[in-house]
Amino acid sequence: MSDEGNIITDLNLGAPQPNGEDTLPSAGIISQYIKDLSVENPNAPESFQWTDTPVIDVQFNIGARDITDEVSEIELKISITSKAEAGTSFLVELSYGGLVGMRNLEDAQKHAFTYAEAPRLLFPFARRVISDAVRDAGFPPLLLEPIDFNGIYLAQLSAQQGEDGGVGAPVGTA
């Protein structure tokens, strides 16, 4: 059987373990999906006639929960409201999930992957869903700016360590 045309990835590039046990760290996205999507266009068709520039408010949250010892669900919750002087143009709420596999990682590495790297990998797909939803509501597609999840993670980690003197806080970089 030929491997031509197939991409083969082996994230565990180290030497085989003498007992055959896989002890090298690995992490990656298993699958991703829309958990919930709500699109509201409460003032249509009047909102299509409004000429003032709307104010766009974007709220973002990252949640995580363990499914098994090696699989976690990461959930990006994004809420976008577009308001003009006359009222709300549209409201989009997206809950975008991804299953992430992590094996043989230290707690600090697992935490960093969960709250910095996995959201970075999932965000472009959630961004496309939002753009399509806004377009399908009758407005020009909304393209959210990229988010520096690693920078946000490190800032929150630093703030948390400052609050509790660093005791019990994860250490390391994402």
Protein backbone atom coordinates (compact mmCIF):
# COMPACT_ATOMS: atom_id res chain seq x y z
CA MET A 1 0.00 0.00 0.00
CA SER A 2 1.42 3.36 -1.04
CA ASP A 3 1.57 6.36 1.24
CA GLU A 4 1.64 8.67 -1.78
CA GLY A 5 -0.79 11.54 -1.31
CA ASN A 6 -1.33 10.80 2.37
CA ILE A 7 0.05 12.95 5.13
CA ILE A 8 1.56 10.90 7.89
CA THR A 9 2.30 12.63 11.15
CA ASP A 10 4.11 11.11 14.04
CA LEU A 11 4.19 13.50 16.98
CA ASN A 12 6.14 11.01 19.07
CA LEU A 13 9.49 11.21 17.28
CA GLY A 14 11.59 9.97 20.18
CA ALA A 15 13.24 6.58 20.44
CA PRO A 16 10.96 3.64 21.28
CA GLN A 17 10.69 2.89 24.95
CA PRO A 18 12.24 -0.42 26.07
CA ASN A 19 8.95 -1.68 27.50
CA GLY A 20 6.89 -0.44 24.53
CA GLU A 21 5.14 2.15 26.70
CA ASP A 22 4.32 5.50 25.07
CA THR A 23 5.54 8.06 27.61
CA LEU A 24 6.24 11.02 25.33
CA PRO A 25 4.00 14.08 25.71
CA SER A 26 1.42 14.70 23.00
CA ALA A 27 -1.58 16.96 22.55
CA GLY A 28 -3.95 17.78 19.71
CA ILE A 29 -7.46 18.47 18.50
CA ILE A 30 -9.60 15.32 18.08
CA SER A 31 -12.76 16.97 16.72
CA GLN A 32 -14.65 20.25 16.73
CA TYR A 33 -18.30 21.19 16.49
CA ILE A 34 -21.00 23.80 16.99
CA LYS A 35 -22.69 23.19 20.34
CA ASP A 36 -25.14 26.08 20.07
CA LEU A 37 -25.69 28.91 17.62
CA SER A 38 -28.24 31.69 17.94
CA VAL A 39 -28.70 34.46 15.39
CA GLU A 40 -31.20 37.22 16.00
CA ASN A 41 -32.15 40.03 13.66
CA PRO A 42 -34.80 41.69 15.87
CA ASN A 43 -35.39 44.88 13.89
CA ALA A 44 -35.47 43.52 10.34
CA PRO A 45 -36.29 44.84 7.83
CA GLU A 46 -35.99 48.36 9.31
CA SER A 47 -32.42 47.71 10.48
CA PHE A 48 -31.30 47.34 6.86
CA GLN A 49 -32.23 50.99 6.27
CA TRP A 50 -30.24 52.42 9.19
CA THR A 51 -27.32 54.55 8.03
CA ASP A 52 -25.45 55.24 11.27
CA THR A 53 -22.37 53.20 12.05
CA PRO A 54 -23.20 50.41 14.50
CA VAL A 55 -21.26 49.72 17.67
CA ILE A 56 -20.09 46.10 17.78
CA ASP A 57 -19.66 44.53 21.23
CA VAL A 58 -17.78 41.20 21.37
CA GLN A 59 -17.73 39.11 24.54
CA PHE A 60 -15.56 36.02 24.77
CA ASN A 61 -15.18 33.17 27.27
CA ILE A 62 -13.20 29.91 27.33
CA GLY A 63 -14.48 26.93 29.28
CA ALA A 64 -13.06 23.45 29.73
CA ARG A 65 -14.14 20.18 31.24
CA ASP A 66 -12.55 16.75 31.44
CA ILE A 67 -14.27 13.97 29.51
CA THR A 68 -11.69 11.27 30.40
CA ASP A 69 -8.18 11.35 31.83
CA GLU A 70 -6.78 12.08 28.35
CA VAL A 71 -9.67 13.92 26.64
CA SER A 72 -11.08 17.35 27.48
CA GLU A 73 -13.73 19.51 25.92
CA ILE A 74 -12.78 23.11 25.22
CA GLU A 75 -15.69 25.49 24.67
CA LEU A 76 -15.41 28.94 23.11
CA LYS A 77 -18.41 31.10 23.93
CA ILE A 78 -18.66 34.18 21.76
CA SER A 79 -21.43 36.76 21.96
CA ILE A 80 -21.64 39.62 19.47
CA THR A 81 -24.13 42.48 19.56
CA SER A 82 -24.41 45.15 16.89
CA LYS A 83 -26.29 48.26 18.02
CA ALA A 84 -27.12 51.45 16.16
CA GLU A 85 -28.86 54.56 17.50
CA ALA A 86 -32.24 53.15 16.46
CA GLY A 87 -31.72 49.79 18.19
CA THR A 88 -30.10 46.37 17.91
CA SER A 89 -29.13 45.35 14.39
CA PHE A 90 -28.15 41.76 15.19
CA LEU A 91 -27.09 39.44 17.98
CA VAL A 92 -25.02 36.30 17.44
CA GLU A 93 -24.20 33.84 20.23
CA LEU A 94 -21.96 30.90 19.46
CA SER A 95 -20.84 28.03 21.64
CA TYR A 96 -18.10 26.25 19.70
CA GLY A 97 -16.59 23.09 21.14
CA GLY A 98 -13.58 20.95 20.51
CA LEU A 99 -12.39 17.67 21.92
CA VAL A 100 -8.71 17.79 22.81
CA GLY A 101 -6.48 14.83 23.54
CA MET A 102 -3.57 15.32 25.95
CA ARG A 103 -1.28 12.59 27.16
CA ASN A 104 1.83 12.59 29.34
CA LEU A 105 1.77 16.33 30.00
CA GLU A 106 2.64 18.03 33.25
CA ASP A 107 -0.23 19.95 34.85
CA ALA A 108 1.20 23.33 33.82
CA GLN A 109 1.57 22.17 30.21
CA LYS A 110 -1.94 20.73 30.19
CA HIS A 111 -3.37 23.96 31.60
CA ALA A 112 -1.51 26.07 29.01
CA PHE A 113 -2.67 23.86 26.13
CA THR A 114 -6.26 23.93 27.41
CA TYR A 115 -6.53 27.71 27.81
CA ALA A 116 -4.06 29.08 25.22
CA GLU A 117 -3.17 26.69 22.41
CA ALA A 118 -6.46 24.79 21.94
CA PRO A 119 -8.52 28.02 21.74
CA ARG A 120 -6.00 29.37 19.22
CA LEU A 121 -6.52 26.28 17.06
CA LEU A 122 -10.34 26.37 17.34
CA PHE A 123 -10.86 30.12 16.90
CA PRO A 124 -10.48 30.38 13.09
CA PHE A 125 -13.32 27.90 12.64
CA ALA A 126 -15.58 29.68 15.16
CA ARG A 127 -14.71 32.95 13.42
CA ARG A 128 -15.92 31.55 10.09
CA VAL A 129 -19.19 30.36 11.64
CA ILE A 130 -19.82 33.88 13.00
CA SER A 131 -18.96 35.53 9.69
CA ASP A 132 -21.39 33.23 7.84
CA ALA A 133 -24.12 33.73 10.46
CA VAL A 134 -23.93 37.53 10.22
CA ARG A 135 -23.96 37.32 6.42
CA ASP A 136 -26.94 34.95 6.49
CA ALA A 137 -28.77 37.45 8.73
CA GLY A 138 -28.55 39.94 5.86
CA PHE A 139 -25.54 42.01 6.92
CA PRO A 140 -22.01 42.20 5.53
CA PRO A 141 -19.89 39.33 6.92
CA LEU A 142 -18.26 40.17 10.24
CA LEU A 143 -14.62 39.11 10.37
CA LEU A 144 -13.37 39.10 13.94
CA GLU A 145 -9.79 40.20 14.53
CA PRO A 146 -7.33 37.47 15.52
CA ILE A 147 -6.98 36.97 19.27
CA ASP A 148 -3.65 36.48 21.03
CA PHE A 149 -4.75 33.64 23.30
CA ASN A 150 -1.20 33.00 24.50
CA GLY A 151 -0.75 36.65 25.49
CA ILE A 152 -4.08 36.69 27.33
CA TYR A 153 -3.22 33.42 29.06
CA LEU A 154 0.18 34.69 30.22
CA ALA A 155 -1.32 37.99 31.43
CA GLN A 156 -4.00 36.18 33.44
CA LEU A 157 -1.43 33.74 34.81
CA SER A 158 0.79 36.63 35.86
CA ALA A 159 -2.14 38.43 37.50
CA GLN A 160 -3.16 35.25 39.33
CA GLN A 161 0.38 34.68 40.60
CA GLY A 162 0.49 38.31 41.78
CA GLU A 163 -2.76 37.87 43.73
CA ASP A 164 -1.78 34.71 45.56
CA GLY A 165 1.97 35.24 45.66
CA GLY A 166 2.52 32.50 43.11
CA VAL A 167 1.52 29.73 45.50
CA GLY A 168 -0.34 26.94 43.73
CA ALA A 169 -0.35 28.73 40.37
CA PRO A 170 0.76 26.89 37.24
CA VAL A 171 4.29 27.66 36.12
CA GLY A 172 5.62 27.68 32.56
CA THR A 173 4.85 29.14 29.19
CA ALA A 174 2.43 28.08 26.51
